[in-house]
Amino acid sequence: MIDLVIFGAGGLGQMVFDILHAARGIHVVGFLDSDRSLHGSTVGAVRVIGGLESIDTLRRRGVSHAVVAIGDNPTRVEIADAIRARRLELASAVHPAASISIHAEIGAHVIIGPRATLCVHARVAEHAVIGAGCIVEHEGSVGRGSFLHPAVRLAGAVTVEAYVTLGIGCTVIPGRRIAAGARVEPGSIVIRDVSTGGHVGGIPAAPLPAPASRFRAAAEVGGRVSTGVFRR
C-alpha cells in the first residue's frame, strides 16, 4: 500500500482521488492546497492537510508519493518541481477503465481519466492531463503539461505541443499542429494549425481575442517552455 497526497483540492483533485480509489493499492492520506482557507476542511471525506509546507512532516510520517492536480498548466509543472525538491516522489493517476494501446508511450506524472483512449503509437508527455472520454488516435502526441478536457478527440497524427489547453468536446482533424501555449475553446473543430500562444474557437475554429482568464499563457513562464512534444 502506497501512502500518497494529492496537491489540489478542486475538481481535478477530486477526479484524481476517484481514479486512485479505482486503481486500488493506494491510500490517499489527504489533499494539499495553496489556498489556506481550505486547510483543515474536508473535500468529500478527505481532509485538506495544508500546503507545500506540510510535506516534510508528511514524509516523516511515511507519505512517499504525490499527484499534482492543478488545472493551470504552468502552475501544475511548477508545483510538481517544488514537491520533487522536497523529496516526495511524483506519481501518475491512470484510471483502470482507460484504454491504452501496448504501443502507446506515456511520460511520467500524467493524469488519465476513465474511458480515455490512447491508440497505437500515441504519445503523452510528462505532466499532461487527459480527461475522461478523450481519444488520442494513432501517432498523435500530447506535449508536456498540456490539458485535454473531457471528450476531446484528436484524429490521427495530431501534434499538441506543451502547455496547450483544449476545451471540452474539441475535435482536431488529422495531421494538425496545436503549438505551445495555445488555447482552444470548448466544442471547437480545428481544421488548421494553431500558432504558439494562439486562442481559437468555433466551427471551424478561428482566432479569438486573448482570453481574460486566470490561466496563464505559456509565454509567461519565459524561456523554460519548449514545444514539449514527447520524444522517444
Protein backbone atom coordinates (compact mmCIF):
# COMPACT_ATOMS: atom_id res chain seq x y z
CA MET A 1 0.00 0.00 0.00
CA ILE A 2 1.37 3.40 -1.04
CA ASP A 3 0.62 6.45 1.14
CA LEU A 4 0.03 9.41 -1.14
CA VAL A 5 -1.19 13.02 -1.11
CA ILE A 6 -2.97 14.93 -3.85
CA PHE A 7 -1.95 18.57 -4.39
CA GLY A 8 -5.06 20.44 -5.47
CA ALA A 9 -8.40 20.09 -3.71
CA GLY A 10 -10.58 21.34 -6.57
CA GLY A 11 -12.44 19.45 -9.26
CA LEU A 12 -9.34 17.93 -10.84
CA GLY A 13 -8.12 16.80 -7.43
CA GLN A 14 -11.44 15.09 -6.77
CA MET A 15 -11.19 13.35 -10.15
CA VAL A 16 -7.70 12.15 -9.24
CA PHE A 17 -8.97 10.85 -5.91
CA ASP A 18 -11.63 8.86 -7.76
CA ILE A 19 -9.01 7.47 -10.18
CA LEU A 20 -6.72 6.40 -7.35
CA HIS A 21 -9.61 4.83 -5.45
CA ALA A 22 -10.48 2.78 -8.55
CA ALA A 23 -6.84 1.79 -9.08
CA ARG A 24 -6.52 0.22 -5.60
CA GLY A 25 -3.31 -0.34 -3.68
CA ILE A 26 -3.09 3.38 -2.86
CA HIS A 27 -4.04 5.14 0.37
CA VAL A 28 -4.79 8.83 -0.13
CA VAL A 29 -3.74 10.45 3.13
CA GLY A 30 -5.26 13.80 2.21
CA PHE A 31 -5.21 16.84 -0.04
CA LEU A 32 -2.72 19.68 -0.08
CA ASP A 33 -3.64 23.08 -1.47
CA SER A 34 -2.11 26.55 -1.65
CA ASP A 35 -5.45 28.10 -0.60
CA ARG A 36 -5.06 28.47 3.16
CA SER A 37 -8.81 28.94 3.61
CA LEU A 38 -9.23 25.25 2.75
CA HIS A 39 -6.74 23.98 5.30
CA GLY A 40 -8.42 21.82 7.93
CA SER A 41 -11.58 21.39 5.85
CA THR A 42 -12.71 18.22 4.12
CA VAL A 43 -13.40 17.59 0.44
CA GLY A 44 -15.72 14.64 0.24
CA ALA A 45 -14.38 12.51 3.06
CA VAL A 46 -10.77 13.61 2.58
CA ARG A 47 -9.04 16.23 4.73
CA VAL A 48 -7.13 19.19 3.32
CA ILE A 49 -3.99 18.94 5.41
CA GLY A 50 -2.11 22.07 4.41
CA GLY A 51 0.14 23.33 1.65
CA LEU A 52 3.69 22.70 0.48
CA GLU A 53 4.94 23.47 3.98
CA SER A 54 3.29 20.25 5.22
CA ILE A 55 5.35 17.95 3.02
CA ASP A 56 8.34 17.48 5.34
CA THR A 57 6.08 16.38 8.19
CA LEU A 58 4.10 14.06 5.93
CA ARG A 59 7.27 12.49 4.58
CA ARG A 60 8.47 11.75 8.12
CA ARG A 61 5.11 10.04 8.73
CA GLY A 62 5.61 7.70 5.79
CA VAL A 63 3.92 9.52 2.92
CA SER A 64 6.05 8.72 -0.12
CA HIS A 65 4.23 9.99 -3.22
CA ALA A 66 2.15 12.89 -4.55
CA VAL A 67 -0.04 13.57 -7.57
CA VAL A 68 -0.38 17.20 -8.69
CA ALA A 69 -3.96 18.03 -9.71
CA ILE A 70 -3.83 21.71 -10.70
CA GLY A 71 -5.71 22.87 -13.79
CA ASP A 72 -3.37 25.72 -14.75
CA ASN A 73 -0.70 24.09 -16.88
CA PRO A 74 2.49 26.01 -15.97
CA THR A 75 1.48 26.06 -12.29
CA ARG A 76 0.97 22.29 -12.32
CA VAL A 77 4.54 21.77 -13.52
CA GLU A 78 5.97 24.34 -11.09
CA ILE A 79 4.21 22.70 -8.12
CA ALA A 80 5.48 19.30 -9.26
CA ASP A 81 9.04 20.64 -9.28
CA ALA A 82 8.57 22.11 -5.79
CA ILE A 83 7.26 18.79 -4.45
CA ARG A 84 10.13 16.87 -6.00
CA ALA A 85 12.58 19.32 -4.40
CA ARG A 86 11.05 18.35 -1.05
CA ARG A 87 11.87 14.70 -1.79
CA LEU A 88 8.41 13.28 -2.42
CA GLU A 89 8.09 11.01 -5.44
CA LEU A 90 5.65 12.16 -8.11
CA ALA A 91 3.08 9.61 -9.25
CA SER A 92 0.71 9.27 -12.18
CA ALA A 93 -3.03 8.66 -11.87
CA VAL A 94 -4.33 6.42 -14.67
CA HIS A 95 -7.89 5.13 -14.43
CA PRO A 96 -8.18 1.36 -14.92
CA ALA A 97 -11.06 1.98 -17.35
CA ALA A 98 -8.77 3.89 -19.74
CA SER A 99 -7.93 2.03 -22.95
CA ILE A 100 -4.22 2.32 -23.72
CA SER A 101 -2.51 0.59 -26.62
CA ILE A 102 0.51 -1.51 -25.73
CA HIS A 103 2.27 0.54 -28.40
CA ALA A 104 1.39 3.90 -26.84
CA GLU A 105 4.04 5.81 -24.87
CA ILE A 106 3.22 7.63 -21.65
CA GLY A 107 5.52 10.02 -19.82
CA ALA A 108 5.84 10.45 -16.07
CA HIS A 109 3.39 12.17 -13.73
CA VAL A 110 0.35 12.14 -16.01
CA ILE A 111 -3.38 12.04 -15.24
CA ILE A 112 -5.57 9.90 -17.49
CA GLY A 113 -9.31 9.75 -16.84
CA PRO A 114 -11.86 6.97 -17.28
CA ARG A 115 -12.71 5.81 -20.81
CA ALA A 116 -9.84 7.79 -22.33
CA THR A 117 -8.39 6.02 -25.37
CA LEU A 118 -4.76 6.17 -26.46
CA CYS A 119 -4.34 4.37 -29.78
CA VAL A 120 -1.33 2.79 -31.42
CA HIS A 121 1.83 4.94 -31.24
CA ALA A 122 0.02 7.70 -29.36
CA ARG A 123 2.39 9.62 -27.09
CA VAL A 124 1.66 11.59 -23.93
CA ALA A 125 4.47 13.62 -22.34
CA GLU A 126 5.04 14.26 -18.64
CA HIS A 127 2.61 16.34 -16.57
CA ALA A 128 -0.14 16.10 -19.19
CA VAL A 129 -3.81 15.63 -18.27
CA ILE A 130 -6.08 13.51 -20.48
CA GLY A 131 -9.70 13.92 -19.37
CA ALA A 132 -12.49 11.37 -19.29
CA GLY A 133 -13.51 10.04 -22.69
CA CYS A 134 -10.71 11.68 -24.68
CA ILE A 135 -9.39 9.99 -27.82
CA VAL A 136 -5.80 10.35 -28.98
CA GLU A 137 -5.69 8.50 -32.28
CA HIS A 138 -2.75 6.75 -33.96
CA GLU A 139 0.56 8.64 -33.96
CA GLY A 140 -0.90 11.57 -32.07
CA SER A 141 1.17 13.33 -29.41
CA VAL A 142 0.30 15.43 -26.38
CA GLY A 143 3.06 17.69 -25.09
CA ARG A 144 4.42 18.38 -21.65
CA GLY A 145 1.98 19.99 -19.26
CA SER A 146 -0.95 20.11 -21.68
CA PHE A 147 -4.58 19.59 -20.63
CA LEU A 148 -7.19 17.81 -22.75
CA HIS A 149 -10.56 18.36 -21.10
CA PRO A 150 -13.18 15.59 -21.31
CA ALA A 151 -14.26 14.20 -24.69
CA VAL A 152 -11.53 15.88 -26.74
CA ARG A 153 -10.95 13.96 -29.96
CA LEU A 154 -7.58 14.09 -31.72
CA ALA A 155 -7.58 12.41 -35.12
CA GLY A 156 -4.50 10.62 -36.45
CA ALA A 157 -1.07 12.25 -36.30
CA VAL A 158 -2.22 15.40 -34.47
CA THR A 159 0.56 17.17 -32.55
CA VAL A 160 -0.33 19.04 -29.37
CA GLU A 161 2.72 20.89 -28.04
CA ALA A 162 3.48 21.98 -24.46
CA TYR A 163 1.07 23.84 -22.14
CA VAL A 164 -1.88 23.65 -24.53
CA THR A 165 -5.46 23.70 -23.22
CA LEU A 166 -8.16 22.01 -25.29
CA GLY A 167 -11.68 22.68 -24.00
CA ILE A 168 -14.31 20.01 -23.52
CA GLY A 169 -15.52 18.33 -26.68
CA CYS A 170 -12.94 19.78 -29.11
CA THR A 171 -12.16 17.90 -32.31
CA VAL A 172 -8.90 18.24 -34.26
CA ILE A 173 -8.71 16.83 -37.79
CA PRO A 174 -5.78 14.63 -38.90
CA GLY A 175 -2.27 16.00 -39.05
CA ARG A 176 -2.89 19.41 -37.45
CA ARG A 177 -0.43 21.02 -35.02
CA ILE A 178 -1.53 22.94 -31.93
CA ALA A 179 1.54 24.96 -30.94
CA ALA A 180 2.82 25.61 -27.43
CA GLY A 181 0.63 27.62 -25.07
CA ALA A 182 -2.42 27.65 -27.35
CA ARG A 183 -5.99 27.53 -26.07
CA VAL A 184 -8.93 26.02 -27.95
CA GLU A 185 -12.44 26.81 -26.73
CA PRO A 186 -14.94 24.05 -25.87
CA GLY A 187 -16.76 22.36 -28.74
CA SER A 188 -14.47 23.74 -31.44
CA ILE A 189 -13.47 21.87 -34.59
CA VAL A 190 -9.86 22.61 -35.53
CA ILE A 191 -9.11 22.26 -39.25
CA ARG A 192 -5.97 24.44 -39.40
CA ASP A 193 -2.76 24.59 -37.38
CA VAL A 194 -2.88 26.85 -34.30
CA SER A 195 0.10 29.15 -33.68
CA THR A 196 2.13 29.50 -30.49
CA GLY A 197 0.02 31.08 -27.77
CA GLY A 198 -2.98 31.23 -30.10
CA HIS A 199 -6.58 31.39 -28.89
CA VAL A 200 -9.17 29.88 -31.22
CA GLY A 201 -12.75 28.70 -31.11
CA GLY A 202 -15.82 27.89 -33.16
CA ILE A 203 -16.74 25.62 -36.07
CA PRO A 204 -14.39 25.75 -37.80
CA ALA A 205 -12.03 27.17 -35.18
CA ALA A 206 -10.93 30.74 -35.91
CA PRO A 207 -8.73 33.23 -34.00
CA LEU A 208 -10.28 34.89 -30.95
CA PRO A 209 -9.07 37.71 -28.68
CA ALA A 210 -6.78 36.66 -25.85
CA PRO A 211 -8.98 35.25 -23.06
CA ALA A 212 -9.45 37.24 -19.86
CA SER A 213 -8.70 34.16 -17.82
CA ARG A 214 -6.91 33.01 -14.72
CA PHE A 215 -5.00 30.55 -16.90
CA ARG A 216 -1.51 31.79 -17.72
CA ALA A 217 -0.10 31.69 -21.20
CA ALA A 218 2.96 29.54 -21.78
CA ALA A 219 4.94 32.67 -22.64
CA GLU A 220 4.63 33.83 -19.03
CA VAL A 221 6.98 31.11 -17.83
CA GLY A 222 9.66 32.52 -20.08
CA GLY A 223 12.35 30.66 -21.96
CA ARG A 224 11.75 27.46 -19.98
CA VAL A 225 8.87 26.47 -22.27
CA SER A 226 9.74 24.26 -25.21
CA THR A 227 7.40 22.60 -27.66
CA GLY A 228 7.19 19.75 -25.16
CA VAL A 229 6.38 17.08 -27.70
CA PHE A 230 7.12 13.60 -26.40
CA ARG A 231 10.40 12.28 -27.77
CA ARG A 232 11.46 8.66 -27.88
